[in-house]
PDB file of all heavy atoms in Angstrom:
ATOM      1  N   GLY A   1      -9.774 -14.526 -12.179  1.00  0.00           N
ATOM      2  CA  GLY A   1     -10.430 -13.679 -13.125  1.00  0.00           C
ATOM      3  C   GLY A   1     -11.223 -12.613 -12.284  1.00  0.00           C
ATOM      4  O   GLY A   1     -11.734 -11.506 -12.928  1.00  0.00           O
ATOM      5  N   GLY A   2     -11.313 -12.798 -10.903  1.00  0.00           N
ATOM      6  CA  GLY A   2     -12.031 -11.833 -10.213  1.00  0.00           C
ATOM      7  C   GLY A   2     -11.183 -10.552  -9.883  1.00  0.00           C
ATOM      8  O   GLY A   2      -9.998 -10.391 -10.324  1.00  0.00           O
ATOM      9  N   SER A   3     -11.787  -9.665  -9.067  1.00  0.00           N
ATOM     10  CA  SER A   3     -11.042  -8.426  -8.605  1.00  0.00           C
ATOM     11  C   SER A   3     -11.155  -8.158  -7.173  1.00  0.00           C
ATOM     12  O   SER A   3     -12.068  -8.630  -6.456  1.00  0.00           O
ATOM     13  CB  SER A   3     -11.745  -7.267  -9.409  1.00  0.00           C
ATOM     14  OG  SER A   3     -11.677  -7.340 -10.735  1.00  0.00           O
ATOM     15  N   LEU A   4     -10.138  -7.421  -6.631  1.00  0.00           N
ATOM     16  CA  LEU A   4     -10.109  -6.952  -5.348  1.00  0.00           C
ATOM     17  C   LEU A   4      -9.519  -5.595  -5.221  1.00  0.00           C
ATOM     18  O   LEU A   4      -8.717  -5.190  -6.217  1.00  0.00           O
ATOM     19  CB  LEU A   4      -9.253  -7.841  -4.412  1.00  0.00           C
ATOM     20  CG  LEU A   4      -9.863  -9.250  -4.079  1.00  0.00           C
ATOM     21  CD1 LEU A   4      -8.791 -10.094  -3.237  1.00  0.00           C
ATOM     22  CD2 LEU A   4     -11.089  -9.000  -3.080  1.00  0.00           C
ATOM     23  N   ARG A   5      -9.830  -4.748  -4.269  1.00  0.00           N
ATOM     24  CA  ARG A   5      -9.350  -3.517  -4.119  1.00  0.00           C
ATOM     25  C   ARG A   5      -8.676  -3.386  -2.739  1.00  0.00           C
ATOM     26  O   ARG A   5      -9.404  -3.390  -1.833  1.00  0.00           O
ATOM     27  CB  ARG A   5     -10.355  -2.426  -4.298  1.00  0.00           C
ATOM     28  CG  ARG A   5      -9.764  -0.964  -4.129  1.00  0.00           C
ATOM     29  CD  ARG A   5     -10.947   0.029  -4.505  1.00  0.00           C
ATOM     30  NE  ARG A   5     -10.503   1.422  -4.403  1.00  0.00           N
ATOM     31  CZ  ARG A   5      -9.828   2.190  -5.106  1.00  0.00           C
ATOM     32  NH1 ARG A   5      -9.388   1.708  -6.275  1.00  0.00           N
ATOM     33  NH2 ARG A   5      -9.548   3.334  -4.852  1.00  0.00           N
ATOM     34  N   LEU A   6      -7.451  -3.146  -2.660  1.00  0.00           N
ATOM     35  CA  LEU A   6      -6.729  -3.169  -1.404  1.00  0.00           C
ATOM     36  C   LEU A   6      -6.542  -1.652  -0.992  1.00  0.00           C
ATOM     37  O   LEU A   6      -6.367  -0.833  -1.786  1.00  0.00           O
ATOM     38  CB  LEU A   6      -5.425  -3.831  -1.362  1.00  0.00           C
ATOM     39  CG  LEU A   6      -5.339  -5.215  -1.951  1.00  0.00           C
ATOM     40  CD1 LEU A   6      -3.879  -5.751  -1.891  1.00  0.00           C
ATOM     41  CD2 LEU A   6      -6.338  -6.083  -1.263  1.00  0.00           C
ATOM     42  N   SER A   7      -6.580  -1.534   0.438  1.00  0.00           N
ATOM     43  CA  SER A   7      -6.315  -0.151   0.850  1.00  0.00           C
ATOM     44  C   SER A   7      -5.263  -0.129   1.819  1.00  0.00           C
ATOM     45  O   SER A   7      -5.082  -1.069   2.528  1.00  0.00           O
ATOM     46  CB  SER A   7      -7.647   0.427   1.564  1.00  0.00           C
ATOM     47  OG  SER A   7      -8.671   0.623   0.570  1.00  0.00           O
ATOM     48  N   CYS A   8      -4.526   0.978   2.065  1.00  0.00           N
ATOM     49  CA  CYS A   8      -3.446   1.058   3.105  1.00  0.00           C
ATOM     50  C   CYS A   8      -3.526   2.365   3.657  1.00  0.00           C
ATOM     51  O   CYS A   8      -3.325   3.443   2.934  1.00  0.00           O
ATOM     52  CB  CYS A   8      -2.049   0.716   2.433  1.00  0.00           C
ATOM     53  SG  CYS A   8      -0.725   1.157   3.601  1.00  0.00           S
ATOM     54  N   ALA A   9      -3.834   2.430   4.893  1.00  0.00           N
ATOM     55  CA  ALA A   9      -3.828   3.671   5.677  1.00  0.00           C
ATOM     56  C   ALA A   9      -2.500   3.940   6.371  1.00  0.00           C
ATOM     57  O   ALA A   9      -2.148   3.094   7.089  1.00  0.00           O
ATOM     58  CB  ALA A   9      -5.027   3.640   6.617  1.00  0.00           C
ATOM     59  N   ALA A  10      -1.973   5.133   6.091  1.00  0.00           N
ATOM     60  CA  ALA A  10      -0.588   5.370   6.625  1.00  0.00           C
ATOM     61  C   ALA A  10      -0.718   6.607   7.625  1.00  0.00           C
ATOM     62  O   ALA A  10      -1.123   7.622   7.234  1.00  0.00           O
ATOM     63  CB  ALA A  10       0.374   5.591   5.544  1.00  0.00           C
ATOM     64  N   SER A  11      -0.109   6.458   8.740  1.00  0.00           N
ATOM     65  CA  SER A  11      -0.079   7.496   9.755  1.00  0.00           C
ATOM     66  C   SER A  11       1.218   8.262   9.585  1.00  0.00           C
ATOM     67  O   SER A  11       2.217   7.728   8.968  1.00  0.00           O
ATOM     68  CB  SER A  11      -0.263   7.051  11.194  1.00  0.00           C
ATOM     69  OG  SER A  11       0.877   6.248  11.613  1.00  0.00           O
ATOM     70  N   GLY A  12       1.158   9.510   9.967  1.00  0.00           N
ATOM     71  CA  GLY A  12       2.450  10.378   9.961  1.00  0.00           C
ATOM     72  C   GLY A  12       2.534  11.169   8.700  1.00  0.00           C
ATOM     73  O   GLY A  12       2.089  10.789   7.661  1.00  0.00           O
ATOM     74  N   SER A  13       3.430  12.220   8.861  1.00  0.00           N
ATOM     75  CA  SER A  13       3.552  13.238   7.729  1.00  0.00           C
ATOM     76  C   SER A  13       4.471  12.562   6.566  1.00  0.00           C
ATOM     77  O   SER A  13       4.545  13.130   5.548  1.00  0.00           O
ATOM     78  CB  SER A  13       4.110  14.437   8.286  1.00  0.00           C
ATOM     79  OG  SER A  13       5.422  14.202   8.972  1.00  0.00           O
ATOM     80  N   ILE A  14       5.173  11.466   6.947  1.00  0.00           N
ATOM     81  CA  ILE A  14       6.006  10.947   6.066  1.00  0.00           C
ATOM     82  C   ILE A  14       5.322  10.515   4.691  1.00  0.00           C
ATOM     83  O   ILE A  14       5.930  10.455   3.564  1.00  0.00           O
ATOM     84  CB  ILE A  14       6.782   9.644   6.521  1.00  0.00           C
ATOM     85  CG1 ILE A  14       7.891   9.109   5.671  1.00  0.00           C
ATOM     86  CG2 ILE A  14       5.830   8.478   6.779  1.00  0.00           C
ATOM     87  CD1 ILE A  14       8.842   8.021   6.275  1.00  0.00           C
ATOM     88  N   PHE A  15       4.038  10.240   4.787  1.00  0.00           N
ATOM     89  CA  PHE A  15       3.279   9.880   3.580  1.00  0.00           C
ATOM     90  C   PHE A  15       3.267  10.985   2.500  1.00  0.00           C
ATOM     91  O   PHE A  15       3.296  10.682   1.408  1.00  0.00           O
ATOM     92  CB  PHE A  15       1.832   9.592   4.038  1.00  0.00           C
ATOM     93  CG  PHE A  15       1.046   9.039   2.809  1.00  0.00           C
ATOM     94  CD1 PHE A  15       0.989   7.777   2.463  1.00  0.00           C
ATOM     95  CD2 PHE A  15       0.168  10.011   2.171  1.00  0.00           C
ATOM     96  CE1 PHE A  15       0.161   7.336   1.358  1.00  0.00           C
ATOM     97  CE2 PHE A  15      -0.480   9.575   1.054  1.00  0.00           C
ATOM     98  CZ  PHE A  15      -0.516   8.258   0.720  1.00  0.00           C
ATOM     99  N   ARG A  16       3.303  12.146   2.950  1.00  0.00           N
ATOM    100  CA  ARG A  16       3.158  13.347   2.118  1.00  0.00           C
ATOM    101  C   ARG A  16       4.435  13.507   1.306  1.00  0.00           C
ATOM    102  O   ARG A  16       4.460  14.213   0.149  1.00  0.00           O
ATOM    103  CB  ARG A  16       2.820  14.577   2.828  1.00  0.00           C
ATOM    104  CG  ARG A  16       1.442  14.513   3.364  1.00  0.00           C
ATOM    105  CD  ARG A  16       1.080  15.895   4.031  1.00  0.00           C
ATOM    106  NE  ARG A  16       1.676  16.113   5.300  1.00  0.00           N
ATOM    107  CZ  ARG A  16       2.630  16.912   5.525  1.00  0.00           C
ATOM    108  NH1 ARG A  16       3.286  17.444   4.422  1.00  0.00           N
ATOM    109  NH2 ARG A  16       3.127  17.004   6.657  1.00  0.00           N
ATOM    110  N   VAL A  17       5.615  12.877   1.693  1.00  0.00           N
ATOM    111  CA  VAL A  17       6.901  13.211   1.078  1.00  0.00           C
ATOM    112  C   VAL A  17       7.393  12.043   0.396  1.00  0.00           C
ATOM    113  O   VAL A  17       8.461  12.072  -0.362  1.00  0.00           O
ATOM    114  CB  VAL A  17       7.915  13.825   2.040  1.00  0.00           C
ATOM    115  CG1 VAL A  17       7.367  15.123   2.675  1.00  0.00           C
ATOM    116  CG2 VAL A  17       8.123  12.841   3.118  1.00  0.00           C
ATOM    117  N   ALA A  18       6.843  10.775   0.534  1.00  0.00           N
ATOM    118  CA  ALA A  18       7.483   9.606   0.255  1.00  0.00           C
ATOM    119  C   ALA A  18       6.757   8.982  -1.036  1.00  0.00           C
ATOM    120  O   ALA A  18       5.512   9.118  -1.108  1.00  0.00           O
ATOM    121  CB  ALA A  18       7.448   8.502   1.298  1.00  0.00           C
ATOM    122  N   ASP A  19       7.505   8.242  -1.817  1.00  0.00           N
ATOM    123  CA  ASP A  19       6.973   7.378  -2.790  1.00  0.00           C
ATOM    124  C   ASP A  19       6.553   6.155  -2.161  1.00  0.00           C
ATOM    125  O   ASP A  19       7.206   5.614  -1.268  1.00  0.00           O
ATOM    126  CB  ASP A  19       8.002   7.081  -3.891  1.00  0.00           C
ATOM    127  CG  ASP A  19       8.528   8.314  -4.692  1.00  0.00           C
ATOM    128  OD1 ASP A  19       7.920   9.312  -4.556  1.00  0.00           O
ATOM    129  OD2 ASP A  19       9.618   8.198  -5.272  1.00  0.00           O
ATOM    130  N   MET A  20       5.297   5.666  -2.488  1.00  0.00           N
ATOM    131  CA  MET A  20       4.752   4.586  -1.733  1.00  0.00           C
ATOM    132  C   MET A  20       4.576   3.341  -2.719  1.00  0.00           C
ATOM    133  O   MET A  20       4.636   3.442  -3.920  1.00  0.00           O
ATOM    134  CB  MET A  20       3.302   4.874  -1.217  1.00  0.00           C
ATOM    135  CG  MET A  20       3.342   6.077  -0.317  1.00  0.00           C
ATOM    136  SD  MET A  20       4.163   5.663   1.221  1.00  0.00           S
ATOM    137  CE  MET A  20       3.173   4.341   1.845  1.00  0.00           C
ATOM    138  N   GLY A  21       4.621   2.124  -2.153  1.00  0.00           N
ATOM    139  CA  GLY A  21       4.547   0.960  -2.901  1.00  0.00           C
ATOM    140  C   GLY A  21       3.655  -0.242  -2.307  1.00  0.00           C
ATOM    141  O   GLY A  21       3.482  -0.245  -1.098  1.00  0.00           O
ATOM    142  N   TRP A  22       3.331  -1.024  -3.120  1.00  0.00           N
ATOM    143  CA  TRP A  22       2.659  -2.282  -2.619  1.00  0.00           C
ATOM    144  C   TRP A  22       3.562  -3.450  -2.835  1.00  0.00           C
ATOM    145  O   TRP A  22       4.186  -3.561  -3.934  1.00  0.00           O
ATOM    146  CB  TRP A  22       1.359  -2.525  -3.417  1.00  0.00           C
ATOM    147  CG  TRP A  22       0.229  -1.830  -2.799  1.00  0.00           C
ATOM    148  CD1 TRP A  22      -0.431  -0.681  -3.387  1.00  0.00           C
ATOM    149  CD2 TRP A  22      -0.691  -2.096  -1.711  1.00  0.00           C
ATOM    150  NE1 TRP A  22      -1.465  -0.162  -2.632  1.00  0.00           N
ATOM    151  CE2 TRP A  22      -1.624  -1.057  -1.511  1.00  0.00           C
ATOM    152  CE3 TRP A  22      -0.688  -3.225  -0.861  1.00  0.00           C
ATOM    153  CZ2 TRP A  22      -2.602  -1.149  -0.531  1.00  0.00           C
ATOM    154  CZ3 TRP A  22      -1.635  -3.220   0.156  1.00  0.00           C
ATOM    155  CH2 TRP A  22      -2.526  -2.299   0.280  1.00  0.00           C
ATOM    156  N   TYR A  23       3.710  -4.267  -1.823  1.00  0.00           N
ATOM    157  CA  TYR A  23       4.554  -5.387  -1.818  1.00  0.00           C
ATOM    158  C   TYR A  23       3.781  -6.718  -1.610  1.00  0.00           C
ATOM    159  O   TYR A  23       2.732  -6.590  -1.077  1.00  0.00           O
ATOM    160  CB  TYR A  23       5.698  -5.364  -0.856  1.00  0.00           C
ATOM    161  CG  TYR A  23       6.523  -4.061  -0.904  1.00  0.00           C
ATOM    162  CD1 TYR A  23       6.117  -2.785  -0.503  1.00  0.00           C
ATOM    163  CD2 TYR A  23       7.897  -4.141  -1.555  1.00  0.00           C
ATOM    164  CE1 TYR A  23       6.820  -1.702  -0.560  1.00  0.00           C
ATOM    165  CE2 TYR A  23       8.695  -2.891  -1.508  1.00  0.00           C
ATOM    166  CZ  TYR A  23       8.134  -1.776  -1.119  1.00  0.00           C
ATOM    167  OH  TYR A  23       8.866  -0.670  -1.160  1.00  0.00           O
ATOM    168  N   ARG A  24       4.366  -7.805  -2.007  1.00  0.00           N
ATOM    169  CA  ARG A  24       3.738  -8.980  -1.639  1.00  0.00           C
ATOM    170  C   ARG A  24       4.582 -10.150  -1.431  1.00  0.00           C
ATOM    171  O   ARG A  24       5.737 -10.111  -1.945  1.00  0.00           O
ATOM    172  CB  ARG A  24       2.741  -9.439  -2.819  1.00  0.00           C
ATOM    173  CG  ARG A  24       3.389  -9.971  -4.120  1.00  0.00           C
ATOM    174  CD  ARG A  24       2.362 -10.220  -5.095  1.00  0.00           C
ATOM    175  NE  ARG A  24       2.901 -10.735  -6.363  1.00  0.00           N
ATOM    176  CZ  ARG A  24       2.216 -10.918  -7.565  1.00  0.00           C
ATOM    177  NH1 ARG A  24       0.981 -10.760  -7.543  1.00  0.00           N
ATOM    178  NH2 ARG A  24       2.886 -11.370  -8.628  1.00  0.00           N
ATOM    179  N   GLN A  25       4.214 -11.091  -0.573  1.00  0.00           N
ATOM    180  CA  GLN A  25       5.093 -12.246  -0.155  1.00  0.00           C
ATOM    181  C   GLN A  25       4.346 -13.516  -0.316  1.00  0.00           C
ATOM    182  O   GLN A  25       3.416 -13.589   0.574  1.00  0.00           O
ATOM    183  CB  GLN A  25       5.881 -11.980   1.129  1.00  0.00           C
ATOM    184  CG  GLN A  25       6.770 -13.105   1.385  1.00  0.00           C
ATOM    185  CD  GLN A  25       7.735 -12.735   2.592  1.00  0.00           C
ATOM    186  OE1 GLN A  25       7.250 -11.898   3.503  1.00  0.00           O
ATOM    187  NE2 GLN A  25       8.910 -13.282   2.587  1.00  0.00           N
ATOM    188  N   ALA A  26       4.723 -14.386  -1.128  1.00  0.00           N
ATOM    189  CA  ALA A  26       4.056 -15.663  -1.188  1.00  0.00           C
ATOM    190  C   ALA A  26       4.825 -16.732  -0.427  1.00  0.00           C
ATOM    191  O   ALA A  26       5.941 -16.501  -0.091  1.00  0.00           O
ATOM    192  CB  ALA A  26       3.945 -16.153  -2.716  1.00  0.00           C
ATOM    193  N   PRO A  27       4.124 -17.804   0.085  1.00  0.00           N
ATOM    194  CA  PRO A  27       4.748 -18.842   0.856  1.00  0.00           C
ATOM    195  C   PRO A  27       6.111 -19.326   0.230  1.00  0.00           C
ATOM    196  O   PRO A  27       6.095 -19.735  -0.896  1.00  0.00           O
ATOM    197  CB  PRO A  27       3.794 -19.900   0.979  1.00  0.00           C
ATOM    198  CG  PRO A  27       2.438 -19.209   0.916  1.00  0.00           C
ATOM    199  CD  PRO A  27       2.732 -18.158  -0.081  1.00  0.00           C
TER     200      PRO A  27
END
């Protein structure tokens, strides 16, 4: 029921042209 805010810092100019995504992997 709680909340979290994740951040992702990306280096390089590729960030400006790419679609970005969040992924997850459980055990």
